[in-house]
PDB file of all heavy atoms in Angstrom:
ATOM      1  N   GLU A   1     112.851 102.933 106.650  1.00  0.00           N
ATOM      2  CA  GLU A   1     112.005 101.733 106.845  1.00  0.00           C
ATOM      3  C   GLU A   1     111.176 101.404 105.658  1.00  0.00           C
ATOM      4  O   GLU A   1     110.243 102.137 105.356  1.00  0.00           O
ATOM      5  CB  GLU A   1     111.195 101.794 108.024  1.00  0.00           C
ATOM      6  CG  GLU A   1     110.521 100.570 108.447  1.00  0.00           C
ATOM      7  CD  GLU A   1     109.650 100.564 109.692  1.00  0.00           C
ATOM      8  OE1 GLU A   1     109.706 101.635 110.375  1.00  0.00           O
ATOM      9  OE2 GLU A   1     109.061  99.603 110.108  1.00  0.00           O
ATOM     10  N   PRO A   2     111.441 100.298 104.919  1.00  0.00           N
ATOM     11  CA  PRO A   2     110.621  99.916 103.867  1.00  0.00           C
ATOM     12  C   PRO A   2     109.391  99.276 104.295  1.00  0.00           C
ATOM     13  O   PRO A   2     109.268  98.557 105.332  1.00  0.00           O
ATOM     14  CB  PRO A   2     111.413  99.112 103.094  1.00  0.00           C
ATOM     15  CG  PRO A   2     112.385  98.370 103.972  1.00  0.00           C
ATOM     16  CD  PRO A   2     112.608  99.446 105.126  1.00  0.00           C
ATOM     17  N   GLU A   3     108.223  99.562 103.542  1.00  0.00           N
ATOM     18  CA  GLU A   3     106.962  98.885 103.799  1.00  0.00           C
ATOM     19  C   GLU A   3     106.297  98.518 102.419  1.00  0.00           C
ATOM     20  O   GLU A   3     106.240  99.425 101.564  1.00  0.00           O
ATOM     21  CB  GLU A   3     106.050  99.883 104.573  1.00  0.00           C
ATOM     22  CG  GLU A   3     104.771  99.179 104.989  1.00  0.00           C
ATOM     23  CD  GLU A   3     103.870 100.043 105.840  1.00  0.00           C
ATOM     24  OE1 GLU A   3     104.366 100.531 106.842  1.00  0.00           O
ATOM     25  OE2 GLU A   3     102.672 100.305 105.412  1.00  0.00           O
ATOM     26  N   THR A   4     105.800  97.368 102.287  1.00  0.00           N
ATOM     27  CA  THR A   4     105.162  96.947 101.005  1.00  0.00           C
ATOM     28  C   THR A   4     103.729  96.499 101.342  1.00  0.00           C
ATOM     29  O   THR A   4     103.470  95.697 102.283  1.00  0.00           O
ATOM     30  CB  THR A   4     105.911  95.752 100.426  1.00  0.00           C
ATOM     31  OG1 THR A   4     107.258  96.172 100.187  1.00  0.00           O
ATOM     32  CG2 THR A   4     105.368  95.307  99.216  1.00  0.00           C
ATOM     33  N   LYS A   5     102.934  97.107 100.585  1.00  0.00           N
ATOM     34  CA  LYS A   5     101.395  96.847 100.630  1.00  0.00           C
ATOM     35  C   LYS A   5     100.936  96.737  99.197  1.00  0.00           C
ATOM     36  O   LYS A   5     101.261  97.602  98.470  1.00  0.00           O
ATOM     37  CB  LYS A   5     100.641  97.947 101.365  1.00  0.00           C
ATOM     38  CG  LYS A   5     100.890  97.944 102.859  1.00  0.00           C
ATOM     39  CD  LYS A   5     100.018  99.007 103.467  1.00  0.00           C
ATOM     40  CE  LYS A   5     100.251  99.080 104.995  1.00  0.00           C
ATOM     41  NZ  LYS A   5      99.404 100.217 105.624  1.00  0.00           N
ATOM     42  N   ASN A   6     100.265  95.574  98.952  1.00  0.00           N
ATOM     43  CA  ASN A   6      99.625  95.370  97.608  1.00  0.00           C
ATOM     44  C   ASN A   6     100.812  95.491  96.559  1.00  0.00           C
ATOM     45  O   ASN A   6     100.492  96.163  95.462  1.00  0.00           O
ATOM     46  CB  ASN A   6      98.475  96.371  97.336  1.00  0.00           C
ATOM     47  CG  ASN A   6      97.405  96.135  98.262  1.00  0.00           C
ATOM     48  OD1 ASN A   6      97.022  95.084  98.679  1.00  0.00           O
ATOM     49  ND2 ASN A   6      96.720  97.220  98.755  1.00  0.00           N
ATOM     50  N   SER A   7     101.857  94.984  96.886  1.00  0.00           N
ATOM     51  CA  SER A   7     103.115  94.866  95.943  1.00  0.00           C
ATOM     52  C   SER A   7     103.641  96.232  95.562  1.00  0.00           C
ATOM     53  O   SER A   7     104.403  96.486  94.666  1.00  0.00           O
ATOM     54  CB  SER A   7     102.745  94.325  94.506  1.00  0.00           C
ATOM     55  OG  SER A   7     102.248  93.029  94.895  1.00  0.00           O
ATOM     56  N   VAL A   8     103.343  97.324  96.383  1.00  0.00           N
ATOM     57  CA  VAL A   8     103.937  98.695  96.263  1.00  0.00           C
ATOM     58  C   VAL A   8     104.728  98.952  97.600  1.00  0.00           C
ATOM     59  O   VAL A   8     104.282  98.850  98.731  1.00  0.00           O
ATOM     60  CB  VAL A   8     102.809  99.669  96.139  1.00  0.00           C
ATOM     61  CG1 VAL A   8     103.344 101.101  96.061  1.00  0.00           C
ATOM     62  CG2 VAL A   8     101.942  99.381  94.794  1.00  0.00           C
ATOM     63  N   THR A   9     106.020  99.316  97.301  1.00  0.00           N
ATOM     64  CA  THR A   9     106.984  99.500  98.512  1.00  0.00           C
ATOM     65  C   THR A   9     107.107 101.078  98.607  1.00  0.00           C
ATOM     66  O   THR A   9     107.302 101.861  97.596  1.00  0.00           O
ATOM     67  CB  THR A   9     108.253  98.970  98.132  1.00  0.00           C
ATOM     68  OG1 THR A   9     108.161  97.598  98.031  1.00  0.00           O
ATOM     69  CG2 THR A   9     109.194  99.296  99.385  1.00  0.00           C
ATOM     70  N   THR A  10     106.885 101.563  99.890  1.00  0.00           N
ATOM     71  CA  THR A  10     107.190 102.955 100.240  1.00  0.00           C
ATOM     72  C   THR A  10     108.190 102.917 101.266  1.00  0.00           C
ATOM     73  O   THR A  10     108.494 101.827 101.916  1.00  0.00           O
ATOM     74  CB  THR A  10     105.961 103.543 100.790  1.00  0.00           C
ATOM     75  OG1 THR A  10     105.369 102.871 101.852  1.00  0.00           O
ATOM     76  CG2 THR A  10     104.881 103.657  99.666  1.00  0.00           C
ATOM     77  N   TYR A  11     108.918 104.099 101.542  1.00  0.00           N
ATOM     78  CA  TYR A  11     109.953 104.132 102.398  1.00  0.00           C
ATOM     79  C   TYR A  11     109.761 105.303 103.499  1.00  0.00           C
ATOM     80  O   TYR A  11     109.615 106.371 103.056  1.00  0.00           O
ATOM     81  CB  TYR A  11     111.327 104.482 101.668  1.00  0.00           C
ATOM     82  CG  TYR A  11     111.564 103.350 100.736  1.00  0.00           C
ATOM     83  CD1 TYR A  11     111.262 103.376  99.325  1.00  0.00           C
ATOM     84  CD2 TYR A  11     112.359 102.174 101.094  1.00  0.00           C
ATOM     85  CE1 TYR A  11     111.530 102.380  98.491  1.00  0.00           C
ATOM     86  CE2 TYR A  11     112.642 101.241 100.223  1.00  0.00           C
ATOM     87  CZ  TYR A  11     112.087 101.250  98.858  1.00  0.00           C
ATOM     88  OH  TYR A  11     112.423 100.334  97.932  1.00  0.00           O
ATOM     89  N   CYS A  12     109.759 104.931 104.728  1.00  0.00           N
ATOM     90  CA  CYS A  12     109.560 106.067 105.661  1.00  0.00           C
ATOM     91  C   CYS A  12     110.917 106.416 106.260  1.00  0.00           C
ATOM     92  O   CYS A  12     111.713 105.529 106.552  1.00  0.00           O
ATOM     93  CB  CYS A  12     108.713 105.519 106.840  1.00  0.00           C
ATOM     94  SG  CYS A  12     108.517 106.710 108.197  1.00  0.00           S
ATOM     95  N   VAL A  13     111.324 107.699 106.109  1.00  0.00           N
ATOM     96  CA  VAL A  13     112.678 108.147 106.602  1.00  0.00           C
ATOM     97  C   VAL A  13     112.375 109.032 107.678  1.00  0.00           C
ATOM     98  O   VAL A  13     111.493 109.893 107.663  1.00  0.00           O
ATOM     99  CB  VAL A  13     113.390 108.842 105.325  1.00  0.00           C
ATOM    100  CG1 VAL A  13     114.668 109.315 105.758  1.00  0.00           C
ATOM    101  CG2 VAL A  13     113.433 108.013 104.215  1.00  0.00           C
ATOM    102  N   TRP A  14     113.346 108.909 108.764  1.00  0.00           N
ATOM    103  CA  TRP A  14     113.283 109.774 109.872  1.00  0.00           C
ATOM    104  C   TRP A  14     114.641 110.417 110.103  1.00  0.00           C
ATOM    105  O   TRP A  14     115.553 109.754 109.958  1.00  0.00           O
ATOM    106  CB  TRP A  14     112.570 109.192 111.034  1.00  0.00           C
ATOM    107  CG  TRP A  14     113.316 108.046 111.694  1.00  0.00           C
ATOM    108  CD1 TRP A  14     114.232 108.143 112.644  1.00  0.00           C
ATOM    109  CD2 TRP A  14     113.231 106.689 111.329  1.00  0.00           C
ATOM    110  NE1 TRP A  14     114.742 106.922 113.119  1.00  0.00           N
ATOM    111  CE2 TRP A  14     114.153 105.892 112.242  1.00  0.00           C
ATOM    112  CE3 TRP A  14     112.534 105.936 110.462  1.00  0.00           C
ATOM    113  CZ2 TRP A  14     114.295 104.609 112.186  1.00  0.00           C
ATOM    114  CZ3 TRP A  14     112.745 104.514 110.408  1.00  0.00           C
ATOM    115  CH2 TRP A  14     113.587 103.906 111.308  1.00  0.00           C
ATOM    116  N   TYR A  15     114.639 111.661 110.564  1.00  0.00           N
ATOM    117  CA  TYR A  15     115.824 112.358 111.095  1.00  0.00           C
ATOM    118  C   TYR A  15     115.339 113.007 112.294  1.00  0.00           C
ATOM    119  O   TYR A  15     114.790 114.038 112.283  1.00  0.00           O
ATOM    120  CB  TYR A  15     116.180 113.275 109.948  1.00  0.00           C
ATOM    121  CG  TYR A  15     117.386 114.009 110.211  1.00  0.00           C
ATOM    122  CD1 TYR A  15     118.608 113.615 111.009  1.00  0.00           C
ATOM    123  CD2 TYR A  15     117.523 115.440 109.900  1.00  0.00           C
ATOM    124  CE1 TYR A  15     119.672 114.413 111.245  1.00  0.00           C
ATOM    125  CE2 TYR A  15     118.595 116.281 110.243  1.00  0.00           C
ATOM    126  CZ  TYR A  15     119.680 115.700 110.930  1.00  0.00           C
ATOM    127  OH  TYR A  15     120.732 116.499 111.219  1.00  0.00           O
ATOM    128  N   GLY A  16     115.800 112.505 113.471  1.00  0.00           N
ATOM    129  CA  GLY A  16     115.264 113.134 114.704  1.00  0.00           C
ATOM    130  C   GLY A  16     113.794 112.917 114.872  1.00  0.00           C
ATOM    131  O   GLY A  16     113.291 111.823 114.631  1.00  0.00           O
ATOM    132  N   LYS A  17     113.046 113.976 115.009  1.00  0.00           N
ATOM    133  CA  LYS A  17     111.542 113.959 115.071  1.00  0.00           C
ATOM    134  C   LYS A  17     110.908 114.112 113.753  1.00  0.00           C
ATOM    135  O   LYS A  17     109.672 114.026 113.539  1.00  0.00           O
ATOM    136  CB  LYS A  17     111.095 114.966 116.097  1.00  0.00           C
ATOM    137  CG  LYS A  17     111.552 114.614 117.383  1.00  0.00           C
ATOM    138  CD  LYS A  17     110.931 115.624 118.452  1.00  0.00           C
ATOM    139  CE  LYS A  17     111.437 115.237 119.830  1.00  0.00           C
ATOM    140  NZ  LYS A  17     110.862 116.058 120.906  1.00  0.00           N
ATOM    141  N   ALA A  18     111.639 114.470 112.609  1.00  0.00           N
ATOM    142  CA  ALA A  18     111.141 114.728 111.342  1.00  0.00           C
ATOM    143  C   ALA A  18     110.982 113.340 110.598  1.00  0.00           C
ATOM    144  O   ALA A  18     111.911 112.600 110.648  1.00  0.00           O
ATOM    145  CB  ALA A  18     111.997 115.691 110.509  1.00  0.00           C
ATOM    146  N   CYS A  19     109.820 113.180 109.921  1.00  0.00           N
ATOM    147  CA  CYS A  19     109.571 111.991 109.145  1.00  0.00           C
ATOM    148  C   CYS A  19     109.078 112.454 107.709  1.00  0.00           C
ATOM    149  O   CYS A  19     108.595 113.402 107.525  1.00  0.00           O
ATOM    150  CB  CYS A  19     108.558 111.152 109.680  1.00  0.00           C
ATOM    151  SG  CYS A  19     109.022 110.499 111.367  1.00  0.00           S
ATOM    152  N   LYS A  20     109.492 111.550 106.821  1.00  0.00           N
ATOM    153  CA  LYS A  20     108.892 111.797 105.453  1.00  0.00           C
ATOM    154  C   LYS A  20     108.760 110.419 104.718  1.00  0.00           C
ATOM    155  O   LYS A  20     109.578 109.541 104.890  1.00  0.00           O
ATOM    156  CB  LYS A  20     109.991 112.793 104.679  1.00  0.00           C
ATOM    157  CG  LYS A  20     109.361 113.265 103.322  1.00  0.00           C
ATOM    158  CD  LYS A  20     110.348 114.261 102.980  1.00  0.00           C
ATOM    159  CE  LYS A  20     109.784 114.832 101.537  1.00  0.00           C
ATOM    160  NZ  LYS A  20     110.656 115.968 101.078  1.00  0.00           N
ATOM    161  N   ASP A  21     107.804 110.296 103.867  1.00  0.00           N
ATOM    162  CA  ASP A  21     107.569 109.122 103.134  1.00  0.00           C
ATOM    163  C   ASP A  21     107.881 109.300 101.733  1.00  0.00           C
ATOM    164  O   ASP A  21     107.661 110.315 101.140  1.00  0.00           O
ATOM    165  CB  ASP A  21     106.102 108.570 103.270  1.00  0.00           C
ATOM    166  CG  ASP A  21     105.687 108.226 104.610  1.00  0.00           C
ATOM    167  OD1 ASP A  21     106.575 107.537 105.254  1.00  0.00           O
ATOM    168  OD2 ASP A  21     104.641 108.538 105.045  1.00  0.00           O
ATOM    169  N   TYR A  22     108.475 108.270 100.983  1.00  0.00           N
ATOM    170  CA  TYR A  22     108.884 108.271  99.700  1.00  0.00           C
ATOM    171  C   TYR A  22     108.350 107.000  99.002  1.00  0.00           C
ATOM    172  O   TYR A  22     108.393 105.935  99.634  1.00  0.00           O
ATOM    173  CB  TYR A  22     110.443 108.195  99.487  1.00  0.00           C
ATOM    174  CG  TYR A  22     111.147 109.426 100.156  1.00  0.00           C
ATOM    175  CD1 TYR A  22     111.414 109.523 101.497  1.00  0.00           C
ATOM    176  CD2 TYR A  22     111.437 110.542  99.445  1.00  0.00           C
ATOM    177  CE1 TYR A  22     112.156 110.493 102.134  1.00  0.00           C
ATOM    178  CE2 TYR A  22     112.001 111.623  99.925  1.00  0.00           C
ATOM    179  CZ  TYR A  22     112.350 111.605 101.256  1.00  0.00           C
ATOM    180  OH  TYR A  22     112.985 112.708 101.827  1.00  0.00           O
ATOM    181  N   SER A  23     107.842 107.198  97.703  1.00  0.00           N
ATOM    182  CA  SER A  23     107.457 106.026  96.892  1.00  0.00           C
ATOM    183  C   SER A  23     108.485 105.679  95.851  1.00  0.00           C
ATOM    184  O   SER A  23     108.374 104.629  95.268  1.00  0.00           O
ATOM    185  CB  SER A  23     106.086 106.232  96.296  1.00  0.00           C
ATOM    186  OG  SER A  23     106.152 107.496  95.476  1.00  0.00           O
ATOM    187  N   ASP A  24     109.481 106.509  95.762  1.00  0.00           N
ATOM    188  CA  ASP A  24     110.635 106.389  94.738  1.00  0.00           C
ATOM    189  C   ASP A  24     111.841 106.324  95.399  1.00  0.00           C
ATOM    190  O   ASP A  24     112.273 107.345  96.077  1.00  0.00           O
ATOM    191  CB  ASP A  24     110.503 107.537  93.719  1.00  0.00           C
ATOM    192  CG  ASP A  24     111.472 107.420  92.568  1.00  0.00           C
ATOM    193  OD1 ASP A  24     112.650 107.353  92.878  1.00  0.00           O
ATOM    194  OD2 ASP A  24     111.061 107.316  91.445  1.00  0.00           O
ATOM    195  N   ILE A  25     112.698 105.370  95.341  1.00  0.00           N
ATOM    196  CA  ILE A  25     113.961 105.075  95.936  1.00  0.00           C
ATOM    197  C   ILE A  25     114.820 106.219  95.442  1.00  0.00           C
ATOM    198  O   ILE A  25     115.754 106.721  96.254  1.00  0.00           O
ATOM    199  CB  ILE A  25     114.598 103.661  95.805  1.00  0.00           C
ATOM    200  CG1 ILE A  25     115.730 103.515  96.753  1.00  0.00           C
ATOM    201  CG2 ILE A  25     114.925 103.535  94.276  1.00  0.00           C
ATOM    202  CD1 ILE A  25     115.329 103.258  98.087  1.00  0.00           C
TER     203      ILE A  25
END
């Protein structure tokens, strides 16, 4: 799931119950 705030996009990735955020595609 991409999310953009203040022109900066981050990506929240989930696999089952595990989640991780990325700032670099």
